[in-house]
Amino acid sequence: MLCTQSGGSLGVDSQEEVGTLHQQPLALGYYVSTAPTGRMPRWFWASCPHLENVCPAFLKNSLHLHSPAIQQNSDDLLQQQSTVTVHPLDSQYTTDVLRYVLEGYNALSWLALDSNTRDRLSCLPVHIQALMQLYHMTSALV
């Protein structure tokens, strides 16, 4: 309830003020890896160019909510009590969800190996590495 003071008396408004999330992360974490990031665009390191070739690599990650239907029904989701969590993505703890995603990123980074060193080419997941290759190919054409 929202309490207001009007005319010397304390009144109670019947409408509750509901807060909204404006691009605020639900969880924050760091992806730390001894593997290099690989060739990244200049704008990626613009805020901290001194960290480009540092080992280990520290990449800040955040978990955001992008489903308007979930935001509107957040009270219903909070009231549901599930005793068994079937999958880490279904966890009620956002840190568990972010941990699962980052562990998946680590596993996907091992799909691209250097044949000489038998180590990862990059600490990034293989699909991000493919996007970086496409980025560099198109930027070379422009």
N, C-alpha and C. Protein backbone atom coordinates (compact mmCIF):
# COMPACT_ATOMS: atom_id res chain seq x y z
N MET A 1 0.84 -1.18 0.00
CA MET A 1 0.00 0.00 0.00
C MET A 1 0.88 1.24 0.00
N LEU A 2 0.39 2.29 -0.60
CA LEU A 2 1.10 3.55 -0.68
C LEU A 2 0.46 4.52 0.29
N CYS A 3 1.22 5.02 1.23
CA CYS A 3 0.70 5.94 2.23
C CYS A 3 1.00 7.37 1.81
N THR A 4 0.01 8.23 1.93
CA THR A 4 0.20 9.64 1.61
C THR A 4 -0.32 10.48 2.75
N GLN A 5 0.21 11.67 2.85
CA GLN A 5 -0.24 12.59 3.88
C GLN A 5 -0.94 13.74 3.19
N SER A 6 -2.21 13.96 3.55
CA SER A 6 -2.97 15.04 2.93
C SER A 6 -3.78 15.76 3.99
N GLY A 7 -3.62 17.07 4.09
CA GLY A 7 -4.39 17.87 5.03
C GLY A 7 -4.15 17.52 6.48
N GLY A 8 -2.95 17.13 6.82
CA GLY A 8 -2.63 16.83 8.21
C GLY A 8 -3.02 15.42 8.63
N SER A 9 -3.70 14.66 7.80
CA SER A 9 -4.05 13.30 8.17
C SER A 9 -3.33 12.33 7.25
N LEU A 10 -3.12 11.15 7.72
CA LEU A 10 -2.40 10.13 6.96
C LEU A 10 -3.41 9.25 6.26
N GLY A 11 -3.41 9.25 4.93
CA GLY A 11 -4.34 8.43 4.17
C GLY A 11 -3.61 7.29 3.49
N VAL A 12 -4.35 6.27 3.06
CA VAL A 12 -3.77 5.12 2.40
C VAL A 12 -4.40 4.99 1.02
N ASP A 13 -3.58 5.01 -0.02
CA ASP A 13 -4.07 4.82 -1.38
C ASP A 13 -4.28 3.34 -1.63
N SER A 14 -5.29 3.02 -2.41
CA SER A 14 -5.60 1.61 -2.66
C SER A 14 -4.72 1.02 -3.76
N GLN A 15 -4.08 1.85 -4.55
CA GLN A 15 -3.24 1.36 -5.63
C GLN A 15 -1.81 1.21 -5.16
N GLU A 16 -1.24 0.05 -5.46
CA GLU A 16 0.17 -0.16 -5.13
C GLU A 16 1.02 0.30 -6.31
N GLU A 17 2.14 0.84 -5.99
CA GLU A 17 3.07 1.27 -7.03
C GLU A 17 3.95 0.08 -7.38
N VAL A 18 3.85 -0.36 -8.62
CA VAL A 18 4.60 -1.52 -9.07
C VAL A 18 5.85 -1.04 -9.78
N GLY A 19 7.00 -1.54 -9.35
CA GLY A 19 8.26 -1.19 -9.99
C GLY A 19 8.46 -1.99 -11.26
N THR A 20 9.17 -1.42 -12.19
CA THR A 20 9.48 -2.11 -13.44
C THR A 20 10.99 -2.19 -13.59
N LEU A 21 11.41 -3.21 -14.30
CA LEU A 21 12.83 -3.38 -14.58
C LEU A 21 13.15 -2.71 -15.91
N HIS A 22 14.04 -1.76 -15.89
CA HIS A 22 14.45 -1.08 -17.11
C HIS A 22 15.88 -1.48 -17.44
N GLN A 23 16.03 -2.58 -18.17
CA GLN A 23 17.33 -3.08 -18.60
C GLN A 23 18.28 -3.33 -17.43
N GLN A 24 17.74 -3.67 -16.28
CA GLN A 24 18.58 -3.99 -15.14
C GLN A 24 18.85 -5.49 -15.15
N PRO A 25 20.09 -5.89 -14.94
CA PRO A 25 20.39 -7.32 -14.96
C PRO A 25 19.82 -8.03 -13.75
N LEU A 26 19.40 -9.27 -13.96
CA LEU A 26 18.92 -10.10 -12.87
C LEU A 26 20.07 -10.78 -12.15
N ALA A 27 21.18 -10.97 -12.85
CA ALA A 27 22.37 -11.57 -12.25
C ALA A 27 23.59 -11.07 -13.00
N LEU A 28 24.69 -10.94 -12.27
CA LEU A 28 25.97 -10.52 -12.85
C LEU A 28 27.01 -11.57 -12.53
N GLY A 29 27.93 -11.75 -13.46
CA GLY A 29 29.01 -12.70 -13.22
C GLY A 29 30.18 -12.41 -14.14
N TYR A 30 31.29 -13.05 -13.85
CA TYR A 30 32.48 -12.91 -14.69
C TYR A 30 32.84 -14.26 -15.28
N TYR A 31 33.16 -14.24 -16.55
CA TYR A 31 33.65 -15.42 -17.25
C TYR A 31 35.16 -15.28 -17.30
N VAL A 32 35.86 -16.09 -16.53
CA VAL A 32 37.32 -16.01 -16.43
C VAL A 32 37.91 -17.21 -17.15
N SER A 33 38.86 -16.94 -18.05
CA SER A 33 39.44 -18.02 -18.83
C SER A 33 40.91 -17.74 -19.12
N THR A 34 41.70 -18.79 -19.12
CA THR A 34 43.11 -18.66 -19.49
C THR A 34 43.28 -18.69 -21.00
N ALA A 35 42.25 -19.07 -21.73
CA ALA A 35 42.30 -19.03 -23.19
C ALA A 35 42.13 -17.59 -23.65
N PRO A 36 42.76 -17.22 -24.74
CA PRO A 36 42.61 -15.84 -25.23
C PRO A 36 41.20 -15.61 -25.78
N THR A 37 40.84 -14.35 -25.92
CA THR A 37 39.53 -14.04 -26.51
C THR A 37 39.56 -14.20 -28.02
N GLY A 38 40.73 -14.14 -28.59
CA GLY A 38 40.82 -14.19 -30.05
C GLY A 38 40.73 -12.78 -30.61
N ARG A 39 40.65 -12.70 -31.90
CA ARG A 39 40.61 -11.40 -32.57
C ARG A 39 39.22 -10.80 -32.41
N MET A 40 39.15 -9.68 -31.73
CA MET A 40 37.88 -9.00 -31.47
C MET A 40 37.90 -7.64 -32.16
N PRO A 41 36.72 -7.07 -32.43
CA PRO A 41 36.67 -5.73 -33.03
C PRO A 41 37.27 -4.68 -32.09
N ARG A 42 37.74 -3.58 -32.65
CA ARG A 42 38.34 -2.52 -31.82
C ARG A 42 37.35 -1.95 -30.83
N TRP A 43 36.08 -1.83 -31.25
CA TRP A 43 35.08 -1.25 -30.37
C TRP A 43 34.83 -2.11 -29.14
N PHE A 44 35.14 -3.41 -29.22
CA PHE A 44 34.93 -4.30 -28.07
C PHE A 44 35.82 -3.90 -26.90
N TRP A 45 37.03 -3.48 -27.21
CA TRP A 45 38.00 -3.12 -26.17
C TRP A 45 38.09 -1.61 -25.98
N ALA A 46 37.18 -0.83 -26.52
CA ALA A 46 37.26 0.63 -26.48
C ALA A 46 37.31 1.18 -25.06
N SER A 47 36.56 0.60 -24.13
CA SER A 47 36.53 1.14 -22.76
C SER A 47 37.73 0.69 -21.93
N CYS A 48 38.40 -0.38 -22.35
CA CYS A 48 39.55 -0.88 -21.58
C CYS A 48 40.57 -1.53 -22.53
N PRO A 49 41.24 -0.73 -23.37
CA PRO A 49 42.17 -1.30 -24.35
C PRO A 49 43.36 -2.02 -23.71
N HIS A 50 43.70 -1.68 -22.49
CA HIS A 50 44.85 -2.32 -21.82
C HIS A 50 44.56 -3.78 -21.46
N LEU A 51 43.31 -4.22 -21.52
CA LEU A 51 42.97 -5.60 -21.17
C LEU A 51 42.87 -6.53 -22.38
N GLU A 52 43.17 -6.00 -23.57
CA GLU A 52 42.98 -6.78 -24.79
C GLU A 52 43.80 -8.07 -24.81
N ASN A 53 45.04 -8.02 -24.41
CA ASN A 53 45.91 -9.20 -24.48
C ASN A 53 46.27 -9.76 -23.11
N VAL A 54 45.47 -9.46 -22.11
CA VAL A 54 45.74 -9.91 -20.75
C VAL A 54 45.29 -11.36 -20.58
N CYS A 55 46.09 -12.13 -19.87
CA CYS A 55 45.74 -13.50 -19.54
C CYS A 55 45.78 -13.66 -18.02
N PRO A 56 44.75 -14.12 -17.41
CA PRO A 56 43.49 -14.64 -17.94
C PRO A 56 42.55 -13.53 -18.37
N ALA A 57 41.62 -13.91 -19.23
CA ALA A 57 40.61 -12.96 -19.74
C ALA A 57 39.45 -12.91 -18.75
N PHE A 58 39.02 -11.70 -18.43
CA PHE A 58 37.87 -11.48 -17.56
C PHE A 58 36.78 -10.81 -18.39
N LEU A 59 35.68 -11.51 -18.59
CA LEU A 59 34.56 -10.95 -19.36
C LEU A 59 33.34 -10.86 -18.46
N LYS A 60 32.81 -9.66 -18.31
CA LYS A 60 31.65 -9.45 -17.46
C LYS A 60 30.39 -9.88 -18.21
N ASN A 61 29.53 -10.64 -17.54
CA ASN A 61 28.30 -11.14 -18.14
C ASN A 61 27.12 -10.76 -17.26
N SER A 62 25.99 -10.55 -17.88
CA SER A 62 24.78 -10.25 -17.12
C SER A 62 23.59 -10.98 -17.73
N LEU A 63 22.65 -11.30 -16.87
CA LEU A 63 21.44 -12.00 -17.27
C LEU A 63 20.30 -10.99 -17.26
N HIS A 64 19.66 -10.83 -18.41
CA HIS A 64 18.55 -9.88 -18.54
C HIS A 64 17.27 -10.62 -18.86
N LEU A 65 16.15 -10.03 -18.47
CA LEU A 65 14.84 -10.57 -18.76
C LEU A 65 14.27 -9.83 -19.97
N HIS A 66 13.93 -10.56 -21.02
CA HIS A 66 13.45 -9.92 -22.25
C HIS A 66 12.07 -10.38 -22.66
N SER A 67 11.29 -10.93 -21.77
CA SER A 67 9.96 -11.40 -22.12
C SER A 67 8.92 -10.55 -21.41
N PRO A 68 8.18 -9.72 -22.13
CA PRO A 68 7.18 -8.86 -21.49
C PRO A 68 6.09 -9.67 -20.78
N ALA A 69 5.76 -10.85 -21.29
CA ALA A 69 4.73 -11.67 -20.65
C ALA A 69 5.17 -12.10 -19.26
N ILE A 70 6.45 -12.39 -19.10
CA ILE A 70 6.95 -12.79 -17.79
C ILE A 70 6.96 -11.61 -16.84
N GLN A 71 7.32 -10.43 -17.33
CA GLN A 71 7.33 -9.26 -16.46
C GLN A 71 5.93 -8.93 -15.96
N GLN A 72 4.91 -9.11 -16.78
CA GLN A 72 3.55 -8.78 -16.37
C GLN A 72 3.03 -9.78 -15.36
N ASN A 73 3.46 -11.01 -15.42
CA ASN A 73 2.96 -12.04 -14.52
C ASN A 73 4.00 -12.47 -13.51
N SER A 74 4.85 -11.55 -13.10
CA SER A 74 5.93 -11.92 -12.19
C SER A 74 5.40 -12.36 -10.83
N ASP A 75 4.26 -11.81 -10.38
CA ASP A 75 3.69 -12.22 -9.10
C ASP A 75 3.27 -13.68 -9.13
N ASP A 76 2.70 -14.12 -10.25
CA ASP A 76 2.29 -15.51 -10.38
C ASP A 76 3.49 -16.43 -10.34
N LEU A 77 4.59 -16.01 -10.97
CA LEU A 77 5.80 -16.85 -10.98
C LEU A 77 6.42 -16.95 -9.60
N LEU A 78 6.36 -15.85 -8.83
CA LEU A 78 6.96 -15.87 -7.50
C LEU A 78 6.15 -16.72 -6.53
N GLN A 79 4.84 -16.82 -6.75
CA GLN A 79 3.99 -17.57 -5.84
C GLN A 79 4.03 -19.06 -6.10
N GLN A 80 4.49 -19.47 -7.28
CA GLN A 80 4.57 -20.88 -7.59
C GLN A 80 5.73 -21.50 -6.81
N GLN A 81 5.45 -22.50 -6.05
CA GLN A 81 6.48 -23.19 -5.28
C GLN A 81 6.74 -24.54 -5.93
N SER A 82 7.88 -24.68 -6.52
CA SER A 82 8.25 -25.93 -7.15
C SER A 82 9.28 -26.63 -6.28
N THR A 83 8.97 -27.84 -5.86
CA THR A 83 9.90 -28.56 -5.00
C THR A 83 11.01 -29.22 -5.79
N VAL A 84 10.75 -29.54 -7.05
CA VAL A 84 11.75 -30.20 -7.87
C VAL A 84 12.08 -29.30 -9.06
N THR A 85 13.35 -28.94 -9.18
CA THR A 85 13.81 -28.16 -10.32
C THR A 85 14.28 -29.14 -11.38
N VAL A 86 13.61 -29.13 -12.52
CA VAL A 86 13.89 -30.10 -13.56
C VAL A 86 15.18 -29.75 -14.31
N HIS A 87 15.39 -28.47 -14.55
CA HIS A 87 16.52 -28.03 -15.36
C HIS A 87 17.10 -26.76 -14.73
N PRO A 88 18.41 -26.55 -14.85
CA PRO A 88 19.00 -25.33 -14.26
C PRO A 88 18.40 -24.03 -14.81
N LEU A 89 17.91 -24.04 -16.04
CA LEU A 89 17.28 -22.83 -16.58
C LEU A 89 15.93 -22.55 -15.93
N ASP A 90 15.36 -23.55 -15.26
CA ASP A 90 14.09 -23.37 -14.56
C ASP A 90 14.28 -23.00 -13.10
N SER A 91 15.51 -22.77 -12.69
CA SER A 91 15.79 -22.46 -11.29
C SER A 91 15.17 -21.12 -10.90
N GLN A 92 14.79 -21.02 -9.64
CA GLN A 92 14.26 -19.75 -9.15
C GLN A 92 15.38 -18.78 -8.80
N TYR A 93 16.61 -19.24 -8.82
CA TYR A 93 17.76 -18.39 -8.53
C TYR A 93 18.43 -17.99 -9.85
N THR A 94 18.45 -16.70 -10.11
CA THR A 94 19.03 -16.23 -11.37
C THR A 94 20.52 -16.50 -11.45
N THR A 95 21.19 -16.59 -10.32
CA THR A 95 22.62 -16.90 -10.35
C THR A 95 22.86 -18.31 -10.86
N ASP A 96 21.96 -19.24 -10.54
CA ASP A 96 22.08 -20.61 -11.06
C ASP A 96 21.89 -20.63 -12.58
N VAL A 97 20.96 -19.82 -13.06
CA VAL A 97 20.71 -19.75 -14.51
C VAL A 97 21.94 -19.19 -15.22
N LEU A 98 22.49 -18.09 -14.69
CA LEU A 98 23.68 -17.50 -15.30
C LEU A 98 24.87 -18.46 -15.24
N ARG A 99 25.03 -19.16 -14.14
CA ARG A 99 26.12 -20.14 -14.02
C ARG A 99 25.98 -21.22 -15.09
N TYR A 100 24.77 -21.71 -15.30
CA TYR A 100 24.53 -22.74 -16.31
C TYR A 100 24.88 -22.22 -17.71
N VAL A 101 24.49 -21.01 -18.01
CA VAL A 101 24.79 -20.42 -19.32
C VAL A 101 26.29 -20.27 -19.51
N LEU A 102 26.99 -19.77 -18.49
CA LEU A 102 28.44 -19.57 -18.61
C LEU A 102 29.19 -20.90 -18.69
N GLU A 103 28.71 -21.92 -17.99
CA GLU A 103 29.32 -23.24 -18.12
C GLU A 103 29.11 -23.80 -19.52
N GLY A 104 27.96 -23.52 -20.11
CA GLY A 104 27.71 -23.92 -21.49
C GLY A 104 28.63 -23.20 -22.46
N TYR A 105 28.86 -21.90 -22.21
CA TYR A 105 29.79 -21.13 -23.04
C TYR A 105 31.19 -21.75 -22.97
N ASN A 106 31.61 -22.13 -21.78
CA ASN A 106 32.92 -22.74 -21.62
C ASN A 106 33.00 -24.05 -22.41
N ALA A 107 31.96 -24.88 -22.31
CA ALA A 107 31.95 -26.15 -23.03
C ALA A 107 31.97 -25.92 -24.54
N LEU A 108 31.23 -24.92 -25.02
CA LEU A 108 31.19 -24.63 -26.45
C LEU A 108 32.50 -24.02 -26.96
N SER A 109 33.30 -23.45 -26.07
CA SER A 109 34.59 -22.90 -26.50
C SER A 109 35.59 -24.00 -26.83
N TRP A 110 35.37 -25.20 -26.32
CA TRP A 110 36.28 -26.32 -26.58
C TRP A 110 36.02 -26.98 -27.93
N LEU A 111 35.04 -26.50 -28.69
CA LEU A 111 34.75 -27.09 -30.00
C LEU A 111 35.68 -26.57 -31.09
N ALA A 112 36.43 -25.52 -30.81
CA ALA A 112 37.39 -24.98 -31.78
C ALA A 112 38.78 -25.04 -31.14
N LEU A 113 39.57 -26.01 -31.57
CA LEU A 113 40.89 -26.24 -30.97
C LEU A 113 42.01 -25.92 -31.96
N ASP A 114 43.14 -25.51 -31.40
CA ASP A 114 44.35 -25.33 -32.18
C ASP A 114 45.02 -26.69 -32.29
N SER A 115 45.26 -27.16 -33.51
CA SER A 115 45.81 -28.50 -33.70
C SER A 115 47.25 -28.63 -33.19
N ASN A 116 47.99 -27.53 -33.14
CA ASN A 116 49.37 -27.59 -32.66
C ASN A 116 49.45 -27.63 -31.14
N THR A 117 48.74 -26.74 -30.49
CA THR A 117 48.82 -26.65 -29.03
C THR A 117 47.77 -27.51 -28.33
N ARG A 118 46.78 -27.97 -29.06
CA ARG A 118 45.68 -28.74 -28.51
C ARG A 118 44.94 -27.98 -27.41
N ASP A 119 44.90 -26.68 -27.59
CA ASP A 119 44.18 -25.81 -26.66
C ASP A 119 43.13 -25.04 -27.45
N ARG A 120 42.27 -24.38 -26.75
CA ARG A 120 41.20 -23.62 -27.40
C ARG A 120 41.76 -22.44 -28.18
N LEU A 121 41.13 -22.15 -29.30
CA LEU A 121 41.50 -20.96 -30.07
C LEU A 121 41.03 -19.70 -29.35
N SER A 122 39.91 -19.81 -28.67
CA SER A 122 39.32 -18.66 -27.99
C SER A 122 38.52 -19.15 -26.79
N CYS A 123 38.35 -18.27 -25.82
CA CYS A 123 37.51 -18.61 -24.68
C CYS A 123 36.03 -18.43 -25.00
N LEU A 124 35.73 -17.84 -26.15
CA LEU A 124 34.35 -17.58 -26.54
C LEU A 124 33.72 -18.85 -27.12
N PRO A 125 32.40 -18.99 -26.99
CA PRO A 125 31.73 -20.15 -27.58
C PRO A 125 31.90 -20.17 -29.09
N VAL A 126 31.81 -21.33 -29.67
CA VAL A 126 32.10 -21.50 -31.09
C VAL A 126 31.15 -20.66 -31.96
N HIS A 127 29.92 -20.46 -31.55
CA HIS A 127 29.01 -19.66 -32.38
C HIS A 127 29.40 -18.18 -32.35
N ILE A 128 29.94 -17.70 -31.25
CA ILE A 128 30.43 -16.31 -31.19
C ILE A 128 31.71 -16.19 -32.02
N GLN A 129 32.55 -17.22 -32.00
CA GLN A 129 33.75 -17.21 -32.83
C GLN A 129 33.38 -17.14 -34.31
N ALA A 130 32.34 -17.87 -34.70
CA ALA A 130 31.88 -17.83 -36.10
C ALA A 130 31.35 -16.44 -36.45
N LEU A 131 30.63 -15.82 -35.53
CA LEU A 131 30.15 -14.46 -35.77
C LEU A 131 31.31 -13.47 -35.90
N MET A 132 32.36 -13.66 -35.11
CA MET A 132 33.53 -12.79 -35.20
C MET A 132 34.23 -12.97 -36.54
N GLN A 133 34.31 -14.19 -37.04
CA GLN A 133 34.89 -14.43 -38.36
C GLN A 133 34.08 -13.73 -39.45
N LEU A 134 32.76 -13.82 -39.36
CA LEU A 134 31.90 -13.12 -40.33
C LEU A 134 32.07 -11.61 -40.22
N TYR A 135 32.17 -11.11 -39.01
CA TYR A 135 32.36 -9.67 -38.80
C TYR A 135 33.65 -9.20 -39.47
N HIS A 136 34.75 -9.93 -39.23
CA HIS A 136 36.04 -9.53 -39.79
C HIS A 136 36.06 -9.67 -41.32
N MET A 137 35.37 -10.67 -41.86
CA MET A 137 35.31 -10.81 -43.32
C MET A 137 34.53 -9.65 -43.94
N THR A 138 33.40 -9.29 -43.35
CA THR A 138 32.61 -8.19 -43.91
C THR A 138 33.28 -6.85 -43.70
N SER A 139 33.97 -6.67 -42.58
CA SER A 139 34.66 -5.39 -42.36
C SER A 139 35.85 -5.24 -43.31
N ALA A 140 36.44 -6.35 -43.75
CA ALA A 140 37.54 -6.28 -44.72
C ALA A 140 37.02 -5.88 -46.10
N LEU A 141 35.78 -6.20 -46.39
CA LEU A 141 35.19 -5.86 -47.68
C LEU A 141 34.75 -4.40 -47.74
N VAL A 142 34.47 -3.82 -46.62
CA VAL A 142 33.95 -2.45 -46.59
C VAL A 142 35.03 -1.43 -46.58
